[in-house]
N, C-alpha and C. Protein backbone atom coordinates (compact mmCIF):
# COMPACT_ATOMS: atom_id res chain seq x y z
N UNK A 1 133.98 86.35 132.78
CA UNK A 1 133.11 87.35 132.23
C UNK A 1 132.41 86.72 131.04
N UNK A 2 131.25 86.17 131.27
CA UNK A 2 130.54 85.49 130.22
C UNK A 2 129.78 86.44 129.32
N UNK A 3 129.55 87.63 129.79
CA UNK A 3 128.83 88.62 129.00
C UNK A 3 129.65 89.90 128.94
N UNK A 4 129.44 90.67 127.90
CA UNK A 4 130.21 91.91 127.78
C UNK A 4 129.29 93.11 127.88
N UNK A 5 128.21 92.98 128.62
CA UNK A 5 127.35 94.12 128.87
C UNK A 5 127.84 94.85 130.11
N UNK A 6 127.43 96.08 130.25
CA UNK A 6 127.87 96.87 131.40
C UNK A 6 127.45 96.20 132.70
N UNK A 7 126.27 95.61 132.73
CA UNK A 7 125.81 94.97 133.96
C UNK A 7 126.58 93.68 134.24
N UNK A 8 127.24 93.11 133.23
CA UNK A 8 128.00 91.89 133.40
C UNK A 8 129.41 92.11 133.93
N UNK A 9 129.81 93.37 134.04
CA UNK A 9 131.14 93.69 134.54
C UNK A 9 131.09 93.91 136.04
N UNK A 10 132.08 93.36 136.73
CA UNK A 10 132.17 93.60 138.17
C UNK A 10 132.73 95.00 138.41
N UNK A 11 132.65 95.45 139.65
CA UNK A 11 133.25 96.75 140.00
C UNK A 11 134.74 96.72 139.71
N UNK A 12 135.37 95.60 139.98
CA UNK A 12 136.81 95.46 139.74
C UNK A 12 137.11 95.53 138.24
N UNK A 13 136.29 94.86 137.43
CA UNK A 13 136.48 94.92 135.97
C UNK A 13 136.37 96.35 135.47
N UNK A 14 135.38 97.07 135.95
CA UNK A 14 135.20 98.46 135.52
C UNK A 14 136.39 99.32 135.95
N UNK A 15 136.91 99.07 137.15
CA UNK A 15 138.08 99.83 137.62
C UNK A 15 139.29 99.57 136.73
N UNK A 16 139.48 98.33 136.32
CA UNK A 16 140.61 98.01 135.43
C UNK A 16 140.42 98.69 134.08
N UNK A 17 139.22 98.65 133.54
CA UNK A 17 138.98 99.31 132.25
C UNK A 17 139.18 100.82 132.36
N UNK A 18 138.81 101.41 133.49
CA UNK A 18 139.07 102.85 133.69
C UNK A 18 140.58 103.11 133.75
N UNK A 19 141.34 102.21 134.38
CA UNK A 19 142.80 102.36 134.43
C UNK A 19 143.39 102.26 133.02
N UNK A 20 142.88 101.36 132.21
CA UNK A 20 143.33 101.24 130.82
C UNK A 20 143.03 102.55 130.09
N UNK A 21 141.81 103.07 130.26
CA UNK A 21 141.41 104.30 129.58
C UNK A 21 142.28 105.48 130.00
N UNK A 22 142.74 105.47 131.25
CA UNK A 22 143.58 106.55 131.77
C UNK A 22 145.05 106.39 131.39
N UNK A 23 145.39 105.31 130.68
CA UNK A 23 146.77 105.11 130.26
C UNK A 23 147.66 104.57 131.36
N UNK A 24 147.08 103.96 132.38
CA UNK A 24 147.84 103.46 133.53
C UNK A 24 148.14 101.98 133.44
N UNK A 25 147.83 101.34 132.33
CA UNK A 25 147.95 99.89 132.24
C UNK A 25 148.84 99.48 131.07
N UNK A 26 149.73 98.53 131.34
CA UNK A 26 150.58 97.96 130.29
C UNK A 26 150.49 96.44 130.39
N UNK A 27 150.87 95.79 129.30
CA UNK A 27 150.95 94.34 129.30
C UNK A 27 152.41 93.98 129.51
N UNK A 28 152.64 92.93 130.31
CA UNK A 28 154.01 92.54 130.62
C UNK A 28 154.63 91.80 129.44
N UNK A 29 155.90 91.51 129.55
CA UNK A 29 156.59 90.75 128.52
C UNK A 29 156.47 89.26 128.72
N UNK A 30 155.74 88.84 129.75
CA UNK A 30 155.57 87.42 130.05
C UNK A 30 154.61 86.76 129.08
N UNK A 31 154.51 85.46 129.19
CA UNK A 31 153.57 84.68 128.37
C UNK A 31 152.15 85.07 128.75
N UNK A 32 151.27 85.11 127.76
CA UNK A 32 149.89 85.49 128.02
C UNK A 32 149.75 86.99 128.05
N UNK A 33 148.65 87.43 128.64
CA UNK A 33 148.36 88.85 128.71
C UNK A 33 148.28 89.24 130.18
N UNK A 34 149.42 89.41 130.81
CA UNK A 34 149.48 89.82 132.21
C UNK A 34 149.47 91.33 132.27
N UNK A 35 148.51 91.87 133.00
CA UNK A 35 148.36 93.32 133.09
C UNK A 35 149.12 93.89 134.28
N UNK A 36 149.74 95.03 134.06
CA UNK A 36 150.34 95.80 135.13
C UNK A 36 149.60 97.13 135.20
N UNK A 37 149.16 97.48 136.40
CA UNK A 37 148.48 98.75 136.60
C UNK A 37 149.34 99.57 137.55
N UNK A 38 149.73 100.74 137.10
CA UNK A 38 150.63 101.60 137.87
C UNK A 38 151.90 100.86 138.26
N UNK A 39 152.39 100.00 137.38
CA UNK A 39 153.64 99.28 137.60
C UNK A 39 153.53 98.02 138.43
N UNK A 40 152.34 97.68 138.89
CA UNK A 40 152.14 96.50 139.72
C UNK A 40 151.31 95.47 138.97
N UNK A 41 151.67 94.18 139.11
CA UNK A 41 150.89 93.14 138.46
C UNK A 41 149.49 93.10 139.04
N UNK A 42 148.50 93.01 138.16
CA UNK A 42 147.10 92.88 138.57
C UNK A 42 146.90 91.46 139.08
N UNK A 43 146.21 91.32 140.18
CA UNK A 43 146.09 90.02 140.86
C UNK A 43 145.32 88.97 140.07
N UNK A 44 144.43 89.38 139.18
CA UNK A 44 143.68 88.43 138.36
C UNK A 44 144.47 88.16 137.09
N UNK A 45 145.22 87.06 137.09
CA UNK A 45 146.12 86.78 135.97
C UNK A 45 145.40 86.50 134.66
N UNK A 46 144.09 86.23 134.71
CA UNK A 46 143.35 85.91 133.50
C UNK A 46 142.53 87.09 132.97
N UNK A 47 142.53 88.19 133.67
CA UNK A 47 141.71 89.34 133.28
C UNK A 47 142.10 89.87 131.90
N UNK A 48 143.39 90.01 131.64
CA UNK A 48 143.83 90.52 130.34
C UNK A 48 143.33 89.67 129.19
N UNK A 49 143.40 88.36 129.35
CA UNK A 49 142.90 87.46 128.30
C UNK A 49 141.40 87.58 128.15
N UNK A 50 140.68 87.69 129.27
CA UNK A 50 139.22 87.83 129.21
C UNK A 50 138.82 89.11 128.50
N UNK A 51 139.47 90.22 128.87
CA UNK A 51 139.14 91.50 128.25
C UNK A 51 139.49 91.51 126.77
N UNK A 52 140.63 90.93 126.41
CA UNK A 52 141.03 90.88 125.01
C UNK A 52 140.08 89.99 124.21
N UNK A 53 139.71 88.84 124.76
CA UNK A 53 138.78 87.93 124.07
C UNK A 53 137.41 88.56 123.89
N UNK A 54 137.01 89.39 124.83
CA UNK A 54 135.72 90.07 124.75
C UNK A 54 135.77 91.29 123.84
N UNK A 55 136.98 91.62 123.35
CA UNK A 55 137.13 92.76 122.46
C UNK A 55 137.12 94.09 123.17
N UNK A 56 137.44 94.12 124.47
CA UNK A 56 137.41 95.35 125.24
C UNK A 56 138.75 96.07 125.26
N UNK A 57 139.85 95.33 125.12
CA UNK A 57 141.18 95.93 125.11
C UNK A 57 141.97 95.42 123.92
N UNK A 58 142.94 96.22 123.52
CA UNK A 58 143.88 95.82 122.47
C UNK A 58 145.27 95.87 123.08
N UNK A 59 146.04 94.81 122.85
CA UNK A 59 147.39 94.74 123.39
C UNK A 59 148.40 94.99 122.27
N UNK A 60 149.57 95.50 122.61
CA UNK A 60 150.58 95.79 121.59
C UNK A 60 151.18 94.51 121.03
N UNK A 61 151.67 94.61 119.80
CA UNK A 61 152.35 93.46 119.19
C UNK A 61 153.67 93.17 119.87
N UNK A 62 154.38 94.21 120.26
CA UNK A 62 155.64 94.02 120.97
C UNK A 62 155.39 94.26 122.45
N UNK A 63 156.00 93.44 123.26
CA UNK A 63 155.76 93.54 124.70
C UNK A 63 157.05 93.83 125.42
N UNK A 64 157.06 94.47 126.53
CA UNK A 64 155.92 95.11 127.18
C UNK A 64 155.47 96.36 126.43
N UNK A 65 154.25 96.76 126.70
CA UNK A 65 153.72 97.94 126.03
C UNK A 65 152.36 98.32 126.56
N UNK A 66 151.90 99.51 126.16
CA UNK A 66 150.63 100.02 126.68
C UNK A 66 149.42 99.26 126.12
N UNK A 67 148.41 99.15 126.95
CA UNK A 67 147.15 98.53 126.57
C UNK A 67 146.18 99.65 126.22
N UNK A 68 145.38 99.45 125.19
CA UNK A 68 144.41 100.46 124.76
C UNK A 68 143.00 99.90 124.86
N UNK A 69 142.04 100.75 125.16
CA UNK A 69 140.64 100.35 125.09
C UNK A 69 140.22 100.32 123.63
N UNK A 70 139.42 99.36 123.28
CA UNK A 70 138.84 99.30 121.94
C UNK A 70 137.59 100.17 121.93
N UNK A 71 137.03 100.43 120.76
CA UNK A 71 135.75 101.15 120.72
C UNK A 71 134.67 100.46 121.56
N UNK A 72 134.67 99.15 121.55
CA UNK A 72 133.71 98.40 122.36
C UNK A 72 133.95 98.65 123.86
N UNK A 73 135.21 98.68 124.28
CA UNK A 73 135.54 98.98 125.67
C UNK A 73 135.11 100.38 126.07
N UNK A 74 135.34 101.35 125.18
CA UNK A 74 134.91 102.72 125.46
C UNK A 74 133.39 102.79 125.59
N UNK A 75 132.69 102.08 124.72
CA UNK A 75 131.22 102.08 124.75
C UNK A 75 130.70 101.51 126.06
N UNK A 76 131.33 100.43 126.53
CA UNK A 76 130.90 99.84 127.80
C UNK A 76 131.13 100.79 128.97
N UNK A 77 132.28 101.47 128.99
CA UNK A 77 132.55 102.41 130.07
C UNK A 77 131.56 103.59 130.04
N UNK A 78 131.22 104.04 128.86
CA UNK A 78 130.27 105.15 128.74
C UNK A 78 128.87 104.73 129.16
N UNK A 79 128.55 103.45 129.04
CA UNK A 79 127.22 102.95 129.40
C UNK A 79 127.05 102.82 130.91
N UNK A 80 128.13 102.88 131.63
CA UNK A 80 128.06 102.67 133.08
C UNK A 80 127.68 103.94 133.79
């Protein structure tokens, strides 16, 4: 994800951000930012890092724990 505009997000990216917004996503206790959606590991192992680097999600200090959308993430979802 080289850009953080709404048009730069894939359908899959938008679906993951909607899952985060709905409270269905947590970060695992593993190394890195591995996302679990509805209790299942998300197949794109680098998505959590991409979203966090882009400022779209915030991860908890202690893991495992819930992932939250940042104001920037909310703004992108509203723009879609």
